[in-house]
Each structure stands twice: as structure tokens, then as C-alpha cells.
Protein backbone atom coordinates (compact mmCIF):
# COMPACT_ATOMS: atom_id res chain seq x y z
CA MET A 1 -74.28 35.60 -17.91
CA GLN A 2 -78.20 35.57 -17.88
CA ALA A 3 -80.43 38.45 -17.37
CA ASP A 4 -83.82 38.85 -16.48
CA LYS A 5 -86.13 41.53 -18.05
CA ARG A 6 -87.31 44.49 -16.02
CA LYS A 7 -90.82 43.89 -14.59
CA PRO A 8 -92.84 45.86 -11.84
CA LEU A 9 -93.43 43.79 -8.81
CA LYS A 10 -96.98 44.09 -7.03
CA THR A 11 -95.78 43.31 -3.60
CA VAL A 12 -96.07 44.97 -0.25
CA SER A 13 -93.50 47.87 -0.33
CA PRO A 14 -90.92 48.64 2.51
CA PRO A 15 -91.71 51.79 4.17
CA THR A 16 -89.21 54.03 2.27
CA PRO A 17 -88.22 53.51 -1.52
CA MET A 18 -84.63 51.97 -1.13
CA LEU A 19 -82.41 51.31 -4.24
CA THR A 20 -80.73 48.21 -3.49
CA LEU A 21 -77.70 46.39 -4.61
CA ALA A 22 -77.90 42.53 -3.93
CA ILE A 23 -75.00 40.02 -3.98
CA GLU A 24 -75.41 36.15 -3.84
CA SER A 25 -72.69 33.46 -4.12
CA SER A 26 -74.00 30.76 -1.83
CA CYS A 27 -72.88 27.83 -4.21
CA ASP A 28 -71.79 27.76 -7.73
CA ASP A 29 -73.77 30.86 -9.06
CA THR A 30 -72.71 34.29 -8.83
CA ALA A 31 -75.37 36.66 -9.04
CA ALA A 32 -76.26 40.40 -8.60
CA ALA A 33 -79.35 42.39 -8.56
CA VAL A 34 -80.56 45.92 -8.34
CA MET A 35 -84.05 46.81 -6.94
CA ASN A 36 -85.77 50.06 -6.36
CA ASP A 37 -88.47 49.54 -3.83
CA ASN A 38 -90.93 47.15 -5.53
CA ARG A 39 -89.29 47.26 -8.88
CA LEU A 40 -86.62 44.99 -10.16
CA LEU A 41 -84.41 46.96 -12.28
CA ALA A 42 -81.67 44.26 -13.12
CA SER A 43 -80.79 40.76 -12.30
CA LEU A 44 -77.71 38.81 -13.62
CA ARG A 45 -76.39 35.41 -13.07
CA SER A 46 -73.16 33.91 -13.95
CA GLY A 47 -73.29 30.08 -13.75
CA GLN A 48 -70.52 27.37 -13.40
CA GLU A 49 -72.10 24.35 -14.93
CA ASP A 50 -69.35 24.01 -17.59
CA ILE A 51 -66.70 23.73 -15.01
CA HIS A 52 -68.31 21.51 -12.52
CA SER A 53 -69.88 19.16 -15.15
CA ARG A 54 -66.49 17.10 -15.54
CA PHE A 55 -66.72 16.25 -11.85
CA GLY A 56 -70.32 15.34 -11.68
CA GLY A 57 -70.75 18.05 -8.98
CA VAL A 58 -69.70 21.30 -7.32
CA VAL A 59 -66.13 21.25 -6.38
CA PRO A 60 -65.99 23.90 -3.61
CA GLU A 61 -62.58 25.22 -4.25
CA LEU A 62 -63.19 25.68 -7.85
CA ALA A 63 -66.51 27.49 -7.18
CA SER A 64 -64.67 30.02 -4.69
CA ARG A 65 -62.15 30.68 -7.47
CA GLU A 66 -64.91 31.50 -10.06
CA HIS A 67 -66.80 33.74 -7.74
CA LEU A 68 -63.64 35.57 -7.43
CA ARG A 69 -63.22 36.06 -11.00
CA ALA A 70 -66.81 36.84 -11.45
CA VAL A 71 -68.14 38.92 -9.02
CA GLN A 72 -66.83 42.52 -9.61
CA PRO A 73 -67.65 42.35 -13.37
CA LEU A 74 -70.98 40.92 -12.75
CA THR A 75 -71.90 43.79 -10.20
CA GLU A 76 -70.59 46.30 -12.62
CA ALA A 77 -72.82 44.92 -15.39
CA THR A 78 -75.97 44.76 -13.24
CA LEU A 79 -75.49 48.60 -12.23
CA GLN A 80 -74.92 49.19 -15.68
CA GLU A 81 -78.16 47.12 -16.85
CA ALA A 82 -80.15 48.93 -14.18
CA GLY A 83 -78.99 52.34 -15.41
CA VAL A 84 -77.47 53.34 -12.07
CA SER A 85 -74.24 53.76 -10.56
CA LEU A 86 -72.79 52.85 -7.21
CA ALA A 87 -73.14 56.26 -6.00
CA ASP A 88 -77.03 56.01 -6.44
CA ILE A 89 -77.15 52.77 -4.26
CA GLU A 90 -78.89 53.44 -0.86
CA LEU A 91 -78.60 49.81 0.55
CA ILE A 92 -76.50 46.62 0.12
CA ALA A 93 -77.68 43.27 0.68
CA ALA A 94 -75.56 40.19 0.54
CA THR A 95 -76.25 36.24 1.23
CA ARG A 96 -74.65 35.34 4.60
CA GLY A 97 -75.58 31.76 4.44
CA PRO A 98 -76.29 28.75 4.40
CA GLY A 99 -73.97 27.36 1.64
CA LEU A 100 -70.44 26.65 0.84
CA VAL A 101 -68.32 28.78 3.26
CA GLY A 102 -65.66 29.51 0.55
CA SER A 103 -68.37 30.58 -1.91
CA LEU A 104 -70.22 32.55 0.60
CA LEU A 105 -67.01 34.49 1.68
CA VAL A 106 -66.45 35.86 -1.78
CA GLY A 107 -69.71 37.55 -2.17
CA PHE A 108 -70.26 38.32 1.36
CA SER A 109 -66.74 39.88 1.73
CA PHE A 110 -66.98 41.71 -1.57
CA ALA A 111 -70.32 43.37 -0.42
CA LYS A 112 -69.11 44.28 2.91
CA SER A 113 -66.00 46.02 1.43
CA ILE A 114 -68.27 48.16 -0.76
CA SER A 115 -70.23 48.92 2.14
CA TYR A 116 -67.15 49.97 4.34
CA VAL A 117 -65.66 51.98 1.85
CA THR A 118 -68.76 53.99 0.67
CA GLY A 119 -70.51 54.25 3.81
CA ILE A 120 -73.79 52.52 2.24
CA PRO A 121 -75.98 50.62 4.90
CA PHE A 122 -75.39 46.71 4.90
CA VAL A 123 -77.80 44.10 5.54
CA CYS A 124 -76.78 40.28 5.73
CA VAL A 125 -79.74 37.90 4.39
CA ASP A 126 -80.32 34.43 5.04
CA HIS A 127 -80.48 32.32 1.72
CA LEU A 128 -83.33 30.49 2.74
CA ALA A 129 -85.42 33.90 3.42
CA GLY A 130 -84.79 34.69 0.02
CA HIS A 131 -86.29 31.41 -1.19
CA ILE A 132 -89.20 31.69 1.07
CA LEU A 133 -89.83 35.13 -0.47
CA SER A 134 -89.18 34.48 -4.00
CA ALA A 135 -92.88 34.06 -4.78
CA PHE A 136 -93.36 37.72 -3.91
CA LEU A 137 -91.22 38.66 -7.05
CA ASN A 138 -94.35 37.72 -9.04
CA GLU A 139 -96.80 40.34 -10.10
CA THR A 140 -99.34 38.98 -7.61
CA GLY A 141 -97.67 37.72 -4.14
CA PRO A 142 -99.48 35.72 -1.37
CA ASP A 143 -100.99 36.99 1.67
CA PHE A 144 -99.50 36.51 5.20
CA PRO A 145 -99.51 34.12 6.95
CA CYS A 146 -98.77 31.54 4.33
CA VAL A 147 -97.04 28.19 4.40
CA SER A 148 -93.85 28.06 2.02
CA LEU A 149 -92.13 24.93 0.73
CA THR A 150 -88.48 25.40 0.33
CA VAL A 151 -86.65 22.82 -1.89
CA SER A 152 -83.43 22.71 -3.25
CA GLY A 153 -79.98 20.53 -3.28
CA GLY A 154 -79.31 21.59 0.15
CA THR A 155 -82.71 22.09 1.85
CA SER A 156 -85.98 20.58 2.08
CA ALA A 157 -88.31 22.55 4.60
CA ILE A 158 -91.93 23.93 5.20
CA TYR A 159 -92.03 27.15 6.79
CA LEU A 160 -95.00 29.38 8.29
CA ALA A 161 -94.26 32.72 6.94
CA GLU A 162 -95.86 35.16 9.18
CA SER A 163 -94.49 38.24 7.61
CA PHE A 164 -91.29 39.23 5.32
CA THR A 165 -89.20 38.73 8.16
CA ARG A 166 -90.64 36.21 10.42
CA PHE A 167 -90.42 32.61 9.52
CA ARG A 168 -91.20 29.51 11.64
CA CYS A 169 -89.86 26.16 10.53
CA LEU A 170 -92.75 23.42 10.71
CA GLY A 171 -90.44 20.67 9.36
CA ARG A 172 -87.25 19.73 7.62
CA THR A 173 -85.31 16.90 6.12
CA ARG A 174 -83.66 14.56 8.52
CA ASP A 175 -81.43 13.33 5.78
CA ASP A 176 -80.96 14.11 2.01
CA ALA A 177 -82.74 17.29 0.72
CA ALA A 178 -84.91 16.66 -2.34
CA GLY A 179 -82.56 18.14 -4.73
CA GLU A 180 -79.80 16.15 -3.31
CA ALA A 181 -81.78 12.98 -3.98
CA PHE A 182 -82.54 13.96 -7.58
CA ASP A 183 -78.80 14.42 -8.26
CA LYS A 184 -77.66 11.43 -6.39
CA VAL A 185 -80.25 9.32 -8.56
CA ALA A 186 -78.96 10.90 -11.75
CA LYS A 187 -75.49 10.10 -11.05
CA LEU A 188 -76.42 6.53 -10.14
CA LEU A 189 -77.99 6.41 -13.56
CA GLY A 190 -75.00 7.84 -15.40
CA LEU A 191 -76.91 11.07 -16.21
CA PRO A 192 -74.76 14.39 -16.94
CA TYR A 193 -74.56 17.32 -14.33
CA PRO A 194 -76.55 18.80 -13.26
CA GLY A 195 -78.61 15.78 -12.81
CA GLY A 196 -81.85 16.97 -11.32
CA PRO A 197 -83.13 18.50 -14.51
CA GLN A 198 -82.06 15.47 -16.31
CA VAL A 199 -84.05 13.15 -14.12
CA SER A 200 -87.41 15.41 -14.39
CA LYS A 201 -86.72 15.45 -18.23
CA LEU A 202 -86.61 11.54 -18.46
CA ALA A 203 -89.43 11.27 -16.10
CA THR A 204 -92.01 12.81 -18.65
CA GLU A 205 -91.13 9.90 -20.99
CA GLY A 206 -91.56 7.28 -18.28
CA ASN A 207 -94.37 5.48 -16.21
CA PRO A 208 -94.69 6.86 -12.72
CA ALA A 209 -96.36 3.77 -11.79
CA ALA A 210 -93.59 1.29 -13.06
CA PHE A 211 -92.19 0.96 -9.64
CA LYS A 212 -93.57 1.22 -6.27
CA PHE A 213 -90.92 3.24 -4.41
CA PRO A 214 -91.15 4.06 -0.85
CA ARG A 215 -92.83 6.98 0.66
CA SER A 216 -91.35 8.13 4.03
CA TRP A 217 -94.19 9.83 6.09
CA LEU A 218 -92.72 9.89 9.49
CA GLY A 219 -96.10 9.80 11.22
CA ASP A 220 -97.78 13.15 11.78
CA SER A 221 -94.52 14.91 11.40
CA PHE A 222 -93.83 17.67 8.80
CA ASP A 223 -90.19 16.43 8.41
CA PHE A 224 -88.99 14.78 5.21
CA SER A 225 -86.62 11.69 4.72
CA PHE A 226 -85.34 10.95 1.19
CA SER A 227 -82.45 8.49 1.85
CA GLY A 228 -84.73 5.46 2.08
CA LEU A 229 -86.22 6.31 -1.40
CA LYS A 230 -82.57 6.65 -2.62
CA THR A 231 -81.50 3.34 -1.36
CA SER A 232 -84.54 1.68 -3.01
CA VAL A 233 -83.70 3.22 -6.43
CA LEU A 234 -80.08 2.00 -5.89
CA ASN A 235 -81.28 -1.58 -5.07
CA ARG A 236 -83.57 -1.79 -7.99
CA VAL A 237 -80.98 -0.31 -10.50
CA ASN A 238 -78.36 -2.95 -9.04
CA ARG A 239 -80.80 -5.80 -9.70
CA PHE A 240 -80.99 -5.10 -13.40
CA ARG A 241 -77.27 -4.55 -13.75
CA GLN A 242 -76.47 -7.85 -11.92
CA LYS A 243 -78.97 -9.66 -14.29
CA GLY A 244 -77.29 -7.83 -17.31
CA GLU A 245 -80.62 -6.36 -18.22
CA GLU A 246 -81.04 -2.88 -19.42
CA VAL A 247 -82.00 -0.30 -16.84
CA PRO A 248 -85.45 1.21 -17.81
CA VAL A 249 -84.12 4.69 -16.98
CA ASN A 250 -87.28 6.63 -17.82
CA ASP A 251 -89.53 4.44 -15.69
CA ILE A 252 -86.96 4.58 -12.92
CA CYS A 253 -86.96 8.62 -13.06
CA ALA A 254 -90.65 8.89 -13.27
CA SER A 255 -91.40 6.42 -10.62
CA PHE A 256 -88.61 8.23 -8.38
CA GLU A 257 -89.96 11.49 -9.26
CA ALA A 258 -93.60 10.55 -8.35
CA ALA A 259 -92.50 9.46 -5.03
CA VAL A 260 -90.87 12.73 -4.11
CA VAL A 261 -93.59 14.90 -5.42
CA GLU A 262 -96.30 12.85 -3.59
CA VAL A 263 -94.47 13.32 -0.19
CA LEU A 264 -93.70 17.05 -0.90
CA THR A 265 -97.32 17.81 -1.94
CA VAL A 266 -99.17 15.86 0.85
CA LYS A 267 -97.14 17.32 3.81
CA THR A 268 -97.12 20.91 2.55
CA LEU A 269 -100.97 20.75 2.00
CA LYS A 270 -101.41 19.37 5.51
CA ALA A 271 -99.07 22.01 6.94
CA ALA A 272 -101.46 24.68 5.26
CA LEU A 273 -104.58 23.07 6.38
CA LYS A 274 -103.38 22.64 10.10
CA ASN A 275 -102.28 26.20 10.19
CA GLU A 276 -105.49 27.42 8.39
CA VAL A 277 -103.65 29.33 5.85
CA LYS A 278 -104.84 30.20 2.35
CA ASP A 279 -101.84 30.66 0.59
CA ILE A 280 -99.03 28.13 -0.27
CA THR A 281 -95.70 29.07 -1.95
CA ILE A 282 -92.68 27.22 -3.12
CA GLY A 283 -89.15 28.27 -3.59
CA GLY A 284 -85.75 26.67 -4.45
CA GLY A 285 -84.26 24.93 -7.19
CA VAL A 286 -86.71 22.05 -6.99
CA SER A 287 -89.57 24.66 -7.30
CA ALA A 288 -88.82 24.54 -10.97
CA ASN A 289 -89.91 20.94 -11.24
CA LEU A 290 -93.02 20.73 -13.42
CA ALA A 291 -94.43 17.76 -11.87
CA LEU A 292 -94.28 19.29 -8.41
CA ARG A 293 -95.72 22.55 -9.48
CA GLU A 294 -98.68 20.64 -11.13
CA SER A 295 -99.27 18.47 -8.21
CA LEU A 296 -99.38 21.31 -5.70
CA ALA A 297 -101.42 23.60 -8.03
CA ARG A 298 -104.00 20.79 -8.26
CA GLU A 299 -104.35 20.10 -4.67
CA CYS A 300 -104.37 23.51 -3.85
CA THR A 301 -107.34 24.25 -6.08
CA LYS A 302 -109.14 21.19 -4.66
CA ASN A 303 -108.94 22.56 -1.03
CA GLY A 304 -109.53 26.25 -1.89
CA ILE A 305 -105.98 27.41 -1.29
CA LYS A 306 -104.00 29.83 -3.54
CA PHE A 307 -100.91 28.45 -4.84
CA HIS A 308 -97.76 30.83 -5.85
CA ALA A 309 -94.96 29.49 -7.76
CA PRO A 310 -91.87 31.98 -8.45
CA GLN A 311 -91.00 32.46 -12.23
CA LEU A 312 -88.26 29.85 -13.18
CA ALA A 313 -85.54 32.57 -13.28
CA PHE A 314 -86.12 32.93 -9.47
CA CYS A 315 -86.37 29.42 -8.53
CA THR A 316 -82.65 28.92 -8.81
CA ASP A 317 -80.17 30.97 -6.75
CA ASN A 318 -80.61 34.51 -7.72
CA ALA A 319 -79.90 37.82 -6.19
CA ALA A 320 -83.31 39.53 -6.74
CA MET A 321 -84.85 37.41 -3.96
CA ILE A 322 -81.73 38.64 -1.77
CA ALA A 323 -82.53 42.16 -2.65
CA LEU A 324 -86.39 41.84 -1.83
CA ALA A 325 -85.52 39.97 1.56
CA GLY A 326 -82.79 42.60 2.57
CA GLN A 327 -85.12 45.54 1.87
CA HIS A 328 -87.58 44.21 4.28
CA GLN A 329 -85.21 43.00 6.76
CA PHE A 330 -83.60 46.70 6.75
CA ALA A 331 -87.19 48.36 7.19
CA GLU A 332 -87.66 46.35 10.35
CA ASN A 333 -84.42 45.99 11.84
CA GLY A 334 -81.96 48.49 10.35
CA ALA A 335 -78.40 47.97 8.95
CA CYS A 336 -75.92 45.47 10.27
CA GLU A 337 -74.16 47.17 13.16
CA ASN A 338 -70.81 44.92 13.50
CA LEU A 339 -69.92 45.10 9.93
CA LEU A 340 -66.32 43.94 10.10
CA ASP A 341 -67.04 41.34 12.70
CA THR A 342 -70.00 39.88 10.91
CA ASP A 343 -69.10 36.41 9.23
CA VAL A 344 -71.05 33.84 6.89
CA TYR A 345 -72.34 30.63 8.21
CA SER A 346 -72.77 27.24 6.64
CA ARG A 347 -76.11 26.19 8.48
CA SER A 348 -79.17 28.42 8.70
CA PRO A 349 -80.85 29.22 11.92
CA LEU A 350 -84.01 29.09 10.17
CA GLY A 351 -83.78 25.43 9.68
CA GLN A 352 -83.33 24.63 13.37
């Protein structure tokens, strides 16, 4: 269980202070957070890396069972960390999707049950909206409109964020997400789970120019495609193995990462310039990648654009971003009206 220290958040506040409890369980992290208006009081996470590492990836059934074990004690610990009780809570927010349906159902149903029993207003939050807004958890957030690059194991997309609740998808992946490509390359190279961070770590010790892996630009589109890059890495590795030669893992990782980072950076910057915005944000698990953060920061500086990256604790799945998104959603649209009939979804309408 990991905790994030309490910290004030200098961001645009909802009209009315709202003590919010948020639950997140979209994949293999159970998370809970308590936020009071623009102040994060507590944010806890229970990960499942040790359980899934033996399988080389997330096993949905096991993930669901672990969420069942973790969600109630984690929520109680979060309330205690925040110094509040359930009776103090004024709003409950929970991730509705996208994600693994079994995992989503655990956290979402748990949160709905609390709302139903206590009468506390409930809002369902899109996981991607949370990632889009995660940079607002910093002391200094961006201004609207801004362009947001959301990159994770399940999503690679560019959004034009017009407000805390209005997002327009400018481009998305047509096949593998960036994080998925990282994980598949890691598995190909025999690296331990979770693979993405392992690739990035080894990339720092390799030569990014050692191999000229392809970049898929897709014309003037803001869409992404990483399947061809993944196949190119596979073919290169297989040639080394067929010849009985040692695979230069560090150089492979560095060259692969350079290709991904270049495409993500160029397309995000182009989207910002075309839409004449002065702020770029990133979110999602891959936003923790140091090479990507440095590349975007460097190009933003060159073009007079402000770059905003969330703290590392808020790059991966967390409930703080769900609380923030939920507060603004409630302020604009009110609580969920059909509580018992509202269900989770595996695909986000924000990606369409």
C-alpha cells in the first residue's frame, strides 16, 4: 500500500467545496483517495505486481479477486489517513471505464453500494478523463484550452481539453497503445514484468541510434500506430537469435524507445500548434517515461509552449485524478440519476 503525502493543489476549484471519496479499479491497481475541494487529503494504492509477475501480464480473473480483497480495507485506510469518516463525505466518485470489466465492477459496485446505503451523491468518472486532468494535481496547472497526450498500456490518444469536463479526441492509436508496445517488446526480450519500466531503464544504457526502427506518421493524421514498430523489433531480434548472436538488448530498448518518443512528441506538438494552444499536458502510465518527458519539455520550450507533467505518483492509475474529475463533473452535471442501472464499460466514449 503506497501513500501520497498531503499537498495543496493550486487549481481551478469547483463552485462549492466538496469532500469527495474516489475509488479506482480499472486494471490491477486498487486505489482510493479523499479530496476536499482543491486539497488532496489522502491517496492510497494497492498494487498487484507480485501476483501477475509470474504470468508475464495481468490475469483478469486474479485481478478481480484481488480487488475484492483490497477495496474495503484500502478505503477505510484512506479515510483514516485523511482524518475523516464516511459520514463526512459529501460526494462519491468511481471509475466507470474503460478497463477490465471484472476489475471495474468491483470498485464501481462497491462505491455505488456506499452511495445507495448512505444517500451520498454519486458520480461515475471516465478513466481517461482522470488521466487528462492528472496534470491539474500539480501546484500549477495548465490553462484551457490545452492539448493532452494520454499514453498508457491501453490508450494512446491526443485530446483537446476545453474545460474540466469537455474533451475532444484529435487522434488515437489504430492498433497497439504505446504502453502495450513497450510491454510486448519487453516480453520479446525476456524482461521481467512489468516490462515497460524495464525497457526504459535499459534504454538509458543503450544507443538510441543503433537501429533505425520505423516511425509510422500516417500522413497528417494525429492517430498513432505502433504495430509495425513492434514487428520490426521482433524481426531484428529474431535475426540475431537465428545467427546464434547475442541480442544487444540495451541498444534495442534505446532505439525502440526513441522511435516511440519521437512519434508521440511530434504529433502532440503538431496538434498544439494547429489548435493554437499554449499548454501541453501528458497523463497515463507512459507519461512517467523520462525520455518522453524530456523530449516534450524540450520541444515545448522551443515553441513557446508550457509543458505540464503530473507527479510520478499520479501517472499510473490512481484515485486522486478520479476525485478531481468527479468534483468538476458533479459541479457541472450533478449526481448520477439512475444509480442502480448504471453499469461499467470496457471502451471509453472519449476515444471515439
